[in-house]
Amino acid sequence: MKQPYLVARLGGPDPLDYISMYANPGDENRGIPPHWHYISYGLSDLHGDGRVHDHNFRCNTNEGPSGFGFELTFRLKRESV
């Protein structure tokens, strides 16, 4: 039986909230082939509610979301069908 998807912040094994995938048609004039563009979500403190990073640790004394983190992105060339 397949286990249900559960992100790490809710006690599951998956560190990412989700991944977006976009089809890019490319630009032949600029030498950019058609490709898929993947973007991760869940590594950055996007919501500012401490679900990703401890808000007791701050690089400055300003209140509010830390803005700490990063996301992953990559492009995968599409094959002609």
PDB file of N, CA and C in Angstrom:
ATOM      1  N   MET A   1       0.840  -1.178   0.000  1.00  0.00           N
ATOM      2  CA  MET A   1       0.000   0.000   0.000  1.00  0.00           C
ATOM      3  C   MET A   1       0.887   1.243   0.000  1.00  0.00           C
ATOM      4  N   LYS A   2       0.584   2.176  -0.872  1.00  0.00           N
ATOM      5  CA  LYS A   2       1.363   3.408  -0.980  1.00  0.00           C
ATOM      6  C   LYS A   2       1.047   4.344   0.187  1.00  0.00           C
ATOM      7  N   GLN A   3       2.113   4.901   0.766  1.00  0.00           N
ATOM      8  CA  GLN A   3       1.943   5.846   1.869  1.00  0.00           C
ATOM      9  C   GLN A   3       1.451   7.190   1.343  1.00  0.00           C
ATOM     10  N   PRO A   4       0.611   7.897   2.089  1.00  0.00           N
ATOM     11  CA  PRO A   4       0.159   9.222   1.640  1.00  0.00           C
ATOM     12  C   PRO A   4       1.306  10.228   1.668  1.00  0.00           C
ATOM     13  N   TYR A   5       1.243  11.182   0.779  1.00  0.00           N
ATOM     14  CA  TYR A   5       2.234  12.253   0.700  1.00  0.00           C
ATOM     15  C   TYR A   5       2.123  13.134   1.935  1.00  0.00           C
ATOM     16  N   LEU A   6       3.237  13.381   2.610  1.00  0.00           N
ATOM     17  CA  LEU A   6       3.236  14.236   3.785  1.00  0.00           C
ATOM     18  C   LEU A   6       4.560  14.983   3.844  1.00  0.00           C
ATOM     19  N   VAL A   7       4.504  16.311   3.850  1.00  0.00           N
ATOM     20  CA  VAL A   7       5.721  17.116   3.880  1.00  0.00           C
ATOM     21  C   VAL A   7       6.377  17.047   5.259  1.00  0.00           C
ATOM     22  N   ALA A   8       7.668  17.348   5.310  1.00  0.00           N
ATOM     23  CA  ALA A   8       8.446  17.236   6.546  1.00  0.00           C
ATOM     24  C   ALA A   8       7.907  18.124   7.656  1.00  0.00           C
ATOM     25  N   ARG A   9       7.434  19.314   7.324  1.00  0.00           N
ATOM     26  CA  ARG A   9       6.951  20.223   8.372  1.00  0.00           C
ATOM     27  C   ARG A   9       5.731  19.672   9.101  1.00  0.00           C
ATOM     28  N   LEU A  10       5.078  18.662   8.487  1.00  0.00           N
ATOM     29  CA  LEU A  10       3.944  17.995   9.127  1.00  0.00           C
ATOM     30  C   LEU A  10       4.314  16.618   9.651  1.00  0.00           C
ATOM     31  N   GLY A  11       5.629  16.325   9.691  1.00  0.00           N
ATOM     32  CA  GLY A  11       6.104  15.064  10.229  1.00  0.00           C
ATOM     33  C   GLY A  11       6.416  14.006   9.186  1.00  0.00           C
ATOM     34  N   GLY A  12       6.280  14.332   7.922  1.00  0.00           N
ATOM     35  CA  GLY A  12       6.555  13.367   6.857  1.00  0.00           C
ATOM     36  C   GLY A  12       7.995  13.413   6.394  1.00  0.00           C
ATOM     37  N   PRO A  13       8.344  12.566   5.421  1.00  0.00           N
ATOM     38  CA  PRO A  13       9.725  12.473   4.957  1.00  0.00           C
ATOM     39  C   PRO A  13      10.075  13.436   3.822  1.00  0.00           C
ATOM     40  N   ASP A  14       9.106  14.074   3.210  1.00  0.00           N
ATOM     41  CA  ASP A  14       9.372  14.906   2.029  1.00  0.00           C
ATOM     42  C   ASP A  14       9.629  16.355   2.412  1.00  0.00           C
ATOM     43  N   PRO A  15      10.837  16.894   2.125  1.00  0.00           N
ATOM     44  CA  PRO A  15      11.166  18.265   2.528  1.00  0.00           C
ATOM     45  C   PRO A  15      10.518  19.344   1.670  1.00  0.00           C
ATOM     46  N   LEU A  16       9.974  19.000   0.508  1.00  0.00           N
ATOM     47  CA  LEU A  16       9.391  20.005  -0.376  1.00  0.00           C
ATOM     48  C   LEU A  16       7.879  20.061  -0.234  1.00  0.00           C
ATOM     49  N   ASP A  17       7.335  21.277  -0.267  1.00  0.00           N
ATOM     50  CA  ASP A  17       5.876  21.434  -0.266  1.00  0.00           C
ATOM     51  C   ASP A  17       5.309  20.961  -1.599  1.00  0.00           C
ATOM     52  N   TYR A  18       5.939  21.389  -2.674  1.00  0.00           N
ATOM     53  CA  TYR A  18       5.539  20.946  -4.000  1.00  0.00           C
ATOM     54  C   TYR A  18       6.568  21.378  -5.032  1.00  0.00           C
ATOM     55  N   ILE A  19       6.395  20.905  -6.264  1.00  0.00           N
ATOM     56  CA  ILE A  19       7.266  21.261  -7.381  1.00  0.00           C
ATOM     57  C   ILE A  19       6.374  21.691  -8.536  1.00  0.00           C
ATOM     58  N   SER A  20       6.699  22.834  -9.141  1.00  0.00           N
ATOM     59  CA  SER A  20       5.972  23.300 -10.320  1.00  0.00           C
ATOM     60  C   SER A  20       6.773  22.959 -11.565  1.00  0.00           C
ATOM     61  N   MET A  21       6.070  22.673 -12.643  1.00  0.00           N
ATOM     62  CA  MET A  21       6.712  22.351 -13.907  1.00  0.00           C
ATOM     63  C   MET A  21       6.005  23.149 -15.003  1.00  0.00           C
ATOM     64  N   TYR A  22       6.787  23.878 -15.795  1.00  0.00           N
ATOM     65  CA  TYR A  22       6.250  24.714 -16.858  1.00  0.00           C
ATOM     66  C   TYR A  22       6.866  24.318 -18.196  1.00  0.00           C
ATOM     67  N   ALA A  23       6.047  24.294 -19.228  1.00  0.00           N
ATOM     68  CA  ALA A  23       6.544  24.040 -20.585  1.00  0.00           C
ATOM     69  C   ALA A  23       6.987  25.373 -21.179  1.00  0.00           C
ATOM     70  N   ASN A  24       8.255  25.455 -21.600  1.00  0.00           N
ATOM     71  CA  ASN A  24       8.780  26.660 -22.221  1.00  0.00           C
ATOM     72  C   ASN A  24       9.004  26.358 -23.702  1.00  0.00           C
ATOM     73  N   PRO A  25       8.411  27.167 -24.602  1.00  0.00           N
ATOM     74  CA  PRO A  25       8.548  26.881 -26.027  1.00  0.00           C
ATOM     75  C   PRO A  25       9.940  27.157 -26.575  1.00  0.00           C
ATOM     76  N   GLY A  26      10.784  27.822 -25.796  1.00  0.00           N
ATOM     77  CA  GLY A  26      12.128  28.160 -26.259  1.00  0.00           C
ATOM     78  C   GLY A  26      12.111  29.363 -27.190  1.00  0.00           C
ATOM     79  N   ASP A  27      13.278  29.699 -27.727  1.00  0.00           N
ATOM     80  CA  ASP A  27      13.423  30.832 -28.651  1.00  0.00           C
ATOM     81  C   ASP A  27      14.518  30.467 -29.649  1.00  0.00           C
ATOM     82  N   GLU A  28      14.100  30.060 -30.827  1.00  0.00           N
ATOM     83  CA  GLU A  28      15.050  29.604 -31.850  1.00  0.00           C
ATOM     84  C   GLU A  28      16.053  30.696 -32.214  1.00  0.00           C
ATOM     85  N   ASN A  29      15.625  31.966 -32.248  1.00  0.00           N
ATOM     86  CA  ASN A  29      16.507  33.085 -32.600  1.00  0.00           C
ATOM     87  C   ASN A  29      17.633  33.280 -31.583  1.00  0.00           C
ATOM     88  N   ARG A  30      17.392  32.902 -30.338  1.00  0.00           N
ATOM     89  CA  ARG A  30      18.401  33.050 -29.283  1.00  0.00           C
ATOM     90  C   ARG A  30      19.090  31.735 -28.950  1.00  0.00           C
ATOM     91  N   GLY A  31      18.763  30.678 -29.697  1.00  0.00           N
ATOM     92  CA  GLY A  31      19.405  29.385 -29.467  1.00  0.00           C
ATOM     93  C   GLY A  31      18.910  28.659 -28.233  1.00  0.00           C
ATOM     94  N   ILE A  32      17.689  28.974 -27.784  1.00  0.00           N
ATOM     95  CA  ILE A  32      17.123  28.328 -26.600  1.00  0.00           C
ATOM     96  C   ILE A  32      16.129  27.265 -27.065  1.00  0.00           C
ATOM     97  N   PRO A  33      16.420  25.990 -26.831  1.00  0.00           N
ATOM     98  CA  PRO A  33      15.523  24.933 -27.289  1.00  0.00           C
ATOM     99  C   PRO A  33      14.270  24.841 -26.407  1.00  0.00           C
ATOM    100  N   PRO A  34      13.207  24.233 -26.912  1.00  0.00           N
ATOM    101  CA  PRO A  34      12.038  23.974 -26.057  1.00  0.00           C
ATOM    102  C   PRO A  34      12.462  23.116 -24.859  1.00  0.00           C
ATOM    103  N   HIS A  35      11.939  23.456 -23.676  1.00  0.00           N
ATOM    104  CA  HIS A  35      12.354  22.736 -22.473  1.00  0.00           C
ATOM    105  C   HIS A  35      11.264  22.797 -21.403  1.00  0.00           C
ATOM    106  N   TRP A  36      11.431  21.951 -20.403  1.00  0.00           N
ATOM    107  CA  TRP A  36      10.609  21.986 -19.193  1.00  0.00           C
ATOM    108  C   TRP A  36      11.377  22.766 -18.134  1.00  0.00           C
ATOM    109  N   HIS A  37      10.680  23.605 -17.377  1.00  0.00           N
ATOM    110  CA  HIS A  37      11.300  24.378 -16.300  1.00  0.00           C
ATOM    111  C   HIS A  37      10.686  23.904 -14.982  1.00  0.00           C
ATOM    112  N   TYR A  38      11.506  23.344 -14.107  1.00  0.00           N
ATOM    113  CA  TYR A  38      11.063  22.838 -12.805  1.00  0.00           C
ATOM    114  C   TYR A  38      11.474  23.816 -11.711  1.00  0.00           C
ATOM    115  N   ILE A  39      10.575  24.043 -10.733  1.00  0.00           N
ATOM    116  CA  ILE A  39      10.862  24.935  -9.606  1.00  0.00           C
ATOM    117  C   ILE A  39      10.365  24.270  -8.323  1.00  0.00           C
ATOM    118  N   SER A  40      11.228  24.219  -7.305  1.00  0.00           N
ATOM    119  CA  SER A  40      10.837  23.644  -6.020  1.00  0.00           C
ATOM    120  C   SER A  40      10.203  24.720  -5.139  1.00  0.00           C
ATOM    121  N   TYR A  41       9.389  24.272  -4.186  1.00  0.00           N
ATOM    122  CA  TYR A  41       8.804  25.152  -3.169  1.00  0.00           C
ATOM    123  C   TYR A  41       8.853  24.430  -1.835  1.00  0.00           C
ATOM    124  N   GLY A  42       9.296  25.132  -0.799  1.00  0.00           N
ATOM    125  CA  GLY A  42       9.323  24.541   0.528  1.00  0.00           C
ATOM    126  C   GLY A  42      10.639  24.692   1.256  1.00  0.00           C
ATOM    127  N   LEU A  43      11.682  25.174   0.584  1.00  0.00           N
ATOM    128  CA  LEU A  43      12.973  25.342   1.244  1.00  0.00           C
ATOM    129  C   LEU A  43      13.136  26.738   1.841  1.00  0.00           C
ATOM    130  N   SER A  44      12.361  27.697   1.369  1.00  0.00           N
ATOM    131  CA  SER A  44      12.479  29.080   1.836  1.00  0.00           C
ATOM    132  C   SER A  44      11.412  29.410   2.871  1.00  0.00           C
ATOM    133  N   ASP A  45      11.667  30.445   3.623  1.00  0.00           N
ATOM    134  CA  ASP A  45      10.722  30.926   4.634  1.00  0.00           C
ATOM    135  C   ASP A  45       9.723  31.871   3.964  1.00  0.00           C
ATOM    136  N   LEU A  46       8.919  31.327   3.059  1.00  0.00           N
ATOM    137  CA  LEU A  46       7.994  32.147   2.281  1.00  0.00           C
ATOM    138  C   LEU A  46       6.842  32.685   3.123  1.00  0.00           C
ATOM    139  N   HIS A  47       6.402  31.915   4.101  1.00  0.00           N
ATOM    140  CA  HIS A  47       5.212  32.275   4.865  1.00  0.00           C
ATOM    141  C   HIS A  47       5.518  33.057   6.133  1.00  0.00           C
ATOM    142  N   GLY A  48       6.769  33.008   6.575  1.00  0.00           N
ATOM    143  CA  GLY A  48       7.166  33.759   7.765  1.00  0.00           C
ATOM    144  C   GLY A  48       6.534  33.252   9.041  1.00  0.00           C
ATOM    145  N   ASP A  49       6.101  32.002   9.066  1.00  0.00           N
ATOM    146  CA  ASP A  49       5.426  31.483  10.253  1.00  0.00           C
ATOM    147  C   ASP A  49       6.247  30.421  10.994  1.00  0.00           C
ATOM    148  N   GLY A  50       7.522  30.278  10.642  1.00  0.00           N
ATOM    149  CA  GLY A  50       8.394  29.355  11.354  1.00  0.00           C
ATOM    150  C   GLY A  50       8.282  27.916  10.920  1.00  0.00           C
ATOM    151  N   ARG A  51       7.509  27.625   9.888  1.00  0.00           N
ATOM    152  CA  ARG A  51       7.367  26.223   9.473  1.00  0.00           C
ATOM    153  C   ARG A  51       8.642  25.676   8.855  1.00  0.00           C
ATOM    154  N   VAL A  52       9.525  26.544   8.348  1.00  0.00           N
ATOM    155  CA  VAL A  52      10.760  26.085   7.724  1.00  0.00           C
ATOM    156  C   VAL A  52      11.971  26.432   8.573  1.00  0.00           C
ATOM    157  N   HIS A  53      12.035  27.658   9.083  1.00  0.00           N
ATOM    158  CA  HIS A  53      13.200  28.126   9.840  1.00  0.00           C
ATOM    159  C   HIS A  53      12.751  28.675  11.185  1.00  0.00           C
ATOM    160  N   ASP A  54      13.568  28.427  12.196  1.00  0.00           N
ATOM    161  CA  ASP A  54      13.297  28.906  13.542  1.00  0.00           C
ATOM    162  C   ASP A  54      13.374  30.427  13.571  1.00  0.00           C
ATOM    163  N   HIS A  55      12.314  31.066  14.000  1.00  0.00           N
ATOM    164  CA  HIS A  55      12.296  32.532  14.029  1.00  0.00           C
ATOM    165  C   HIS A  55      13.024  33.115  15.229  1.00  0.00           C
ATOM    166  N   ASN A  56      13.503  32.276  16.135  1.00  0.00           N
ATOM    167  CA  ASN A  56      14.322  32.786  17.229  1.00  0.00           C
ATOM    168  C   ASN A  56      15.721  33.133  16.744  1.00  0.00           C
ATOM    169  N   PHE A  57      16.109  32.570  15.608  1.00  0.00           N
ATOM    170  CA  PHE A  57      17.405  32.885  15.011  1.00  0.00           C
ATOM    171  C   PHE A  57      17.189  33.925  13.924  1.00  0.00           C
ATOM    172  N   ARG A  58      17.753  35.102  14.121  1.00  0.00           N
ATOM    173  CA  ARG A  58      17.610  36.173  13.134  1.00  0.00           C
ATOM    174  C   ARG A  58      18.971  36.790  12.868  1.00  0.00           C
ATOM    175  N   CYS A  59      19.166  37.172  11.616  1.00  0.00           N
ATOM    176  CA  CYS A  59      20.431  37.823  11.243  1.00  0.00           C
ATOM    177  C   CYS A  59      20.416  39.296  11.589  1.00  0.00           C
ATOM    178  N   ASN A  60      19.227  39.843  11.820  1.00  0.00           N
ATOM    179  CA  ASN A  60      19.110  41.252  12.208  1.00  0.00           C
ATOM    180  C   ASN A  60      18.011  41.375  13.252  1.00  0.00           C
ATOM    181  N   THR A  61      17.759  42.568  13.725  1.00  0.00           N
ATOM    182  CA  THR A  61      16.768  42.752  14.783  1.00  0.00           C
ATOM    183  C   THR A  61      15.398  43.147  14.248  1.00  0.00           C
ATOM    184  N   ASN A  62      15.232  43.214  12.934  1.00  0.00           N
ATOM    185  CA  ASN A  62      13.937  43.572  12.368  1.00  0.00           C
ATOM    186  C   ASN A  62      12.918  42.466  12.623  1.00  0.00           C
ATOM    187  N   GLU A  63      11.692  42.855  12.885  1.00  0.00           N
ATOM    188  CA  GLU A  63      10.613  41.885  13.061  1.00  0.00           C
ATOM    189  C   GLU A  63      10.071  41.488  11.699  1.00  0.00           C
ATOM    190  N   GLY A  64       9.339  40.396  11.655  1.00  0.00           N
ATOM    191  CA  GLY A  64       8.739  39.950  10.412  1.00  0.00           C
ATOM    192  C   GLY A  64       9.451  38.755   9.834  1.00  0.00           C
ATOM    193  N   PRO A  65       8.994  38.288   8.670  1.00  0.00           N
ATOM    194  CA  PRO A  65       9.600  37.116   8.037  1.00  0.00           C
ATOM    195  C   PRO A  65      11.088  37.322   7.794  1.00  0.00           C
ATOM    196  N   SER A  66      11.856  36.257   7.998  1.00  0.00           N
ATOM    197  CA  SER A  66      13.302  36.364   7.839  1.00  0.00           C
ATOM    198  C   SER A  66      13.713  36.469   6.374  1.00  0.00           C
ATOM    199  N   GLY A  67      12.920  35.859   5.470  1.00  0.00           N
ATOM    200  CA  GLY A  67      13.302  35.848   4.069  1.00  0.00           C
ATOM    201  C   GLY A  67      14.432  34.870   3.793  1.00  0.00           C
ATOM    202  N   PHE A  68      14.806  34.081   4.801  1.00  0.00           N
ATOM    203  CA  PHE A  68      15.918  33.156   4.678  1.00  0.00           C
ATOM    204  C   PHE A  68      15.522  31.943   3.836  1.00  0.00           C
ATOM    205  N   GLY A  69      16.411  31.511   2.980  1.00  0.00           N
ATOM    206  CA  GLY A  69      16.185  30.280   2.242  1.00  0.00           C
ATOM    207  C   GLY A  69      16.499  30.413   0.771  1.00  0.00           C
ATOM    208  N   PHE A  70      16.149  29.363   0.049  1.00  0.00           N
ATOM    209  CA  PHE A  70      16.381  29.325  -1.393  1.00  0.00           C
ATOM    210  C   PHE A  70      15.446  28.279  -1.982  1.00  0.00           C
ATOM    211  N   GLU A  71      15.293  28.300  -3.268  1.00  0.00           N
ATOM    212  CA  GLU A  71      14.551  27.264  -3.985  1.00  0.00           C
ATOM    213  C   GLU A  71      15.435  26.729  -5.102  1.00  0.00           C
ATOM    214  N   LEU A  72      15.110  25.557  -5.565  1.00  0.00           N
ATOM    215  CA  LEU A  72      15.876  24.919  -6.630  1.00  0.00           C
ATOM    216  C   LEU A  72      15.137  25.071  -7.952  1.00  0.00           C
ATOM    217  N   THR A  73      15.885  25.217  -9.031  1.00  0.00           N
ATOM    218  CA  THR A  73      15.287  25.301 -10.350  1.00  0.00           C
ATOM    219  C   THR A  73      16.205  24.628 -11.355  1.00  0.00           C
ATOM    220  N   PHE A  74      15.604  23.989 -12.331  1.00  0.00           N
ATOM    221  CA  PHE A  74      16.403  23.456 -13.435  1.00  0.00           C
ATOM    222  C   PHE A  74      15.546  23.366 -14.683  1.00  0.00           C
ATOM    223  N   ARG A  75      16.213  23.271 -15.823  1.00  0.00           N
ATOM    224  CA  ARG A  75      15.537  23.177 -17.113  1.00  0.00           C
ATOM    225  C   ARG A  75      15.960  21.866 -17.777  1.00  0.00           C
ATOM    226  N   LEU A  76      14.973  21.181 -18.343  1.00  0.00           N
ATOM    227  CA  LEU A  76      15.201  19.904 -18.982  1.00  0.00           C
ATOM    228  C   LEU A  76      14.717  19.989 -20.436  1.00  0.00           C
ATOM    229  N   LYS A  77      15.628  19.765 -21.359  1.00  0.00           N
ATOM    230  CA  LYS A  77      15.289  19.876 -22.775  1.00  0.00           C
ATOM    231  C   LYS A  77      14.183  18.889 -23.133  1.00  0.00           C
ATOM    232  N   ARG A  78      13.177  19.399 -23.854  1.00  0.00           N
ATOM    233  CA  ARG A  78      12.078  18.544 -24.313  1.00  0.00           C
ATOM    234  C   ARG A  78      12.483  17.822 -25.587  1.00  0.00           C
ATOM    235  N   GLU A  79      12.112  16.577 -25.682  1.00  0.00           N
ATOM    236  CA  GLU A  79      12.371  15.788 -26.864  1.00  0.00           C
ATOM    237  C   GLU A  79      11.243  16.006 -27.885  1.00  0.00           C
ATOM    238  N   SER A  80      11.573  15.967 -29.158  1.00  0.00           N
ATOM    239  CA  SER A  80      10.554  16.057 -30.196  1.00  0.00           C
ATOM    240  C   SER A  80       9.755  14.766 -30.233  1.00  0.00           C
ATOM    241  N   VAL A  81       8.462  14.929 -30.417  1.00  0.00           N
ATOM    242  CA  VAL A  81       7.592  13.746 -30.455  1.00  0.00           C
ATOM    243  C   VAL A  81       6.993  13.603 -31.835  1.00  0.00           C
TER     244      VAL A  81
END
